[in-house]
Structure formats: C-alpha cells, structure tokens
C-alpha cells in the first residue's frame, strides 16, 4: 500500500516584539491577518487600533523560545494545542 505524505501549506509568520503600551511592559504581536495585539506579562491580550499606535513603543526582537511560548498562550495553552491535534491511528 502506498502512503502519501501530507504537506502543510506554509503559514504566514507572526511577528513578535518586546514593547511597552501606556508604560506597561509586554509584547506587540502582528498576526498574519495584519491585526496588532498587545500581551502583557500576565498573558492578557489587547487588540490595538490605529488610535492606540501612538502609545505603543516597539523595543526589539523576541527570541525564538519565548516567541513560541507567547504564540502557544495565544492559541489557548498547551492543553488546547494537545487536544486539537489530529490523532494518527496505525
């Protein structure tokens, strides 16, 4: 029996930067849908509008492991990610 590999379409990357918003430290996230979110260190996410841009200060790049942790939290956390995966049966 022949097996075909499942190829995934490449996802557009999220852009994550250290930032401050109204003097509160956290992360600025640009989604593939071009939506800007601000996440504070308690994982509270705020969608930002064009009017909020004047209060947002971008500080620098976030390293890969911390970036993945932020995106996992945005997706619902480790439990939500594990339960949403397709199960393969041999």
C-alpha atoms as a PDB file:
ATOM      1  CA  UNK A   1       0.000   0.000   0.000  1.00  0.00           C
ATOM      2  CA  UNK A   2       1.411   3.392  -0.961  1.00  0.00           C
ATOM      3  CA  UNK A   3       1.483   6.197   1.565  1.00  0.00           C
ATOM      4  CA  UNK A   4       1.291   9.823   0.555  1.00  0.00           C
ATOM      5  CA  UNK A   5       2.969  12.448   2.640  1.00  0.00           C
ATOM      6  CA  UNK A   6       0.707  15.149   3.955  1.00  0.00           C
ATOM      7  CA  UNK A   7       2.163  18.505   3.039  1.00  0.00           C
ATOM      8  CA  UNK A   8       1.225  21.533   5.029  1.00  0.00           C
ATOM      9  CA  UNK A   9       0.781  24.896   3.429  1.00  0.00           C
ATOM     10  CA  UNK A  10       3.276  27.358   4.875  1.00  0.00           C
ATOM     11  CA  UNK A  11       1.733  29.697   7.404  1.00  0.00           C
ATOM     12  CA  UNK A  12       2.478  33.363   7.386  1.00  0.00           C
ATOM     13  CA  UNK A  13       4.602  34.084  10.427  1.00  0.00           C
ATOM     14  CA  UNK A  14       3.540  36.031  13.447  1.00  0.00           C
ATOM     15  CA  UNK A  15       5.829  38.956  14.255  1.00  0.00           C
ATOM     16  CA  UNK A  16       6.532  39.363  17.984  1.00  0.00           C
ATOM     17  CA  UNK A  17       8.469  42.272  19.512  1.00  0.00           C
ATOM     18  CA  UNK A  18       9.166  43.477  23.028  1.00  0.00           C
ATOM     19  CA  UNK A  19       7.076  46.592  23.560  1.00  0.00           C
ATOM     20  CA  UNK A  20       5.503  48.989  26.012  1.00  0.00           C
ATOM     21  CA  UNK A  21       1.909  50.160  25.800  1.00  0.00           C
ATOM     22  CA  UNK A  22       0.939  53.058  28.070  1.00  0.00           C
ATOM     23  CA  UNK A  23       4.178  52.391  30.022  1.00  0.00           C
ATOM     24  CA  UNK A  24       3.249  48.738  30.631  1.00  0.00           C
ATOM     25  CA  UNK A  25       5.870  46.213  29.512  1.00  0.00           C
ATOM     26  CA  UNK A  26       4.856  43.294  27.303  1.00  0.00           C
ATOM     27  CA  UNK A  27       4.842  42.099  23.710  1.00  0.00           C
ATOM     28  CA  UNK A  28       3.454  43.503  20.463  1.00  0.00           C
ATOM     29  CA  UNK A  29       2.172  40.795  18.110  1.00  0.00           C
ATOM     30  CA  UNK A  30       1.386  41.291  14.424  1.00  0.00           C
ATOM     31  CA  UNK A  31      -0.867  38.472  13.226  1.00  0.00           C
ATOM     32  CA  UNK A  32      -0.951  37.125   9.654  1.00  0.00           C
ATOM     33  CA  UNK A  33      -4.303  38.937   9.331  1.00  0.00           C
ATOM     34  CA  UNK A  34      -2.427  42.225   9.975  1.00  0.00           C
ATOM     35  CA  UNK A  35      -4.072  42.662  13.397  1.00  0.00           C
ATOM     36  CA  UNK A  36      -1.891  44.117  16.168  1.00  0.00           C
ATOM     37  CA  UNK A  37      -2.205  42.660  19.670  1.00  0.00           C
ATOM     38  CA  UNK A  38      -0.502  43.666  22.893  1.00  0.00           C
ATOM     39  CA  UNK A  39       0.155  40.978  25.500  1.00  0.00           C
ATOM     40  CA  UNK A  40       1.292  41.927  28.982  1.00  0.00           C
ATOM     41  CA  UNK A  41       3.364  39.602  31.155  1.00  0.00           C
ATOM     42  CA  UNK A  42       0.191  38.165  32.737  1.00  0.00           C
ATOM     43  CA  UNK A  43      -0.945  36.934  29.265  1.00  0.00           C
ATOM     44  CA  UNK A  44      -3.756  39.472  28.935  1.00  0.00           C
ATOM     45  CA  UNK A  45      -4.213  40.183  25.218  1.00  0.00           C
ATOM     46  CA  UNK A  46      -5.491  43.535  23.928  1.00  0.00           C
ATOM     47  CA  UNK A  47      -6.370  44.199  20.283  1.00  0.00           C
ATOM     48  CA  UNK A  48      -4.945  47.563  19.251  1.00  0.00           C
ATOM     49  CA  UNK A  49      -6.480  50.052  16.831  1.00  0.00           C
ATOM     50  CA  UNK A  50      -4.829  52.786  14.799  1.00  0.00           C
ATOM     51  CA  UNK A  51      -5.624  55.267  17.590  1.00  0.00           C
ATOM     52  CA  UNK A  52      -3.637  53.117  20.051  1.00  0.00           C
ATOM     53  CA  UNK A  53      -0.491  53.208  17.905  1.00  0.00           C
ATOM     54  CA  UNK A  54       0.793  56.426  19.498  1.00  0.00           C
ATOM     55  CA  UNK A  55       1.017  54.703  22.902  1.00  0.00           C
ATOM     56  CA  UNK A  56       2.852  51.616  21.569  1.00  0.00           C
ATOM     57  CA  UNK A  57       6.670  51.633  21.677  1.00  0.00           C
ATOM     58  CA  UNK A  58       8.486  48.744  19.963  1.00  0.00           C
ATOM     59  CA  UNK A  59      11.717  47.799  21.730  1.00  0.00           C
ATOM     60  CA  UNK A  60      13.287  44.790  19.988  1.00  0.00           C
ATOM     61  CA  UNK A  61      13.033  41.205  18.777  1.00  0.00           C
ATOM     62  CA  UNK A  62      11.795  38.373  20.987  1.00  0.00           C
ATOM     63  CA  UNK A  63      13.913  35.192  20.966  1.00  0.00           C
ATOM     64  CA  UNK A  64      12.507  32.033  19.388  1.00  0.00           C
ATOM     65  CA  UNK A  65      11.622  30.070  22.537  1.00  0.00           C
ATOM     66  CA  UNK A  66       9.882  32.993  24.215  1.00  0.00           C
ATOM     67  CA  UNK A  67       8.063  33.783  20.963  1.00  0.00           C
ATOM     68  CA  UNK A  68       6.749  30.206  20.757  1.00  0.00           C
ATOM     69  CA  UNK A  69       5.564  30.381  24.376  1.00  0.00           C
ATOM     70  CA  UNK A  70       3.601  33.574  23.597  1.00  0.00           C
ATOM     71  CA  UNK A  71       2.012  32.058  20.481  1.00  0.00           C
ATOM     72  CA  UNK A  72       1.099  28.862  22.396  1.00  0.00           C
ATOM     73  CA  UNK A  73      -0.624  31.002  25.026  1.00  0.00           C
ATOM     74  CA  UNK A  74      -2.468  32.877  22.273  1.00  0.00           C
ATOM     75  CA  UNK A  75      -3.655  29.515  20.889  1.00  0.00           C
ATOM     76  CA  UNK A  76      -5.161  28.516  24.244  1.00  0.00           C
ATOM     77  CA  UNK A  77      -2.198  26.986  26.043  1.00  0.00           C
ATOM     78  CA  UNK A  78      -0.568  23.551  25.929  1.00  0.00           C
ATOM     79  CA  UNK A  79      -3.761  21.631  26.792  1.00  0.00           C
ATOM     80  CA  UNK A  80      -5.768  23.257  23.987  1.00  0.00           C
ATOM     81  CA  UNK A  81      -2.974  22.616  21.487  1.00  0.00           C
ATOM     82  CA  UNK A  82      -2.594  18.957  22.517  1.00  0.00           C
ATOM     83  CA  UNK A  83      -6.350  18.302  22.370  1.00  0.00           C
ATOM     84  CA  UNK A  84      -6.754  19.950  18.957  1.00  0.00           C
ATOM     85  CA  UNK A  85      -4.102  17.832  17.212  1.00  0.00           C
ATOM     86  CA  UNK A  86      -5.223  15.200  14.749  1.00  0.00           C
ATOM     87  CA  UNK A  87      -4.741  11.711  16.145  1.00  0.00           C
ATOM     88  CA  UNK A  88      -2.999   9.223  13.872  1.00  0.00           C
ATOM     89  CA  UNK A  89      -4.027   5.598  14.055  1.00  0.00           C
ATOM     90  CA  UNK A  90      -1.691   2.877  12.767  1.00  0.00           C
END
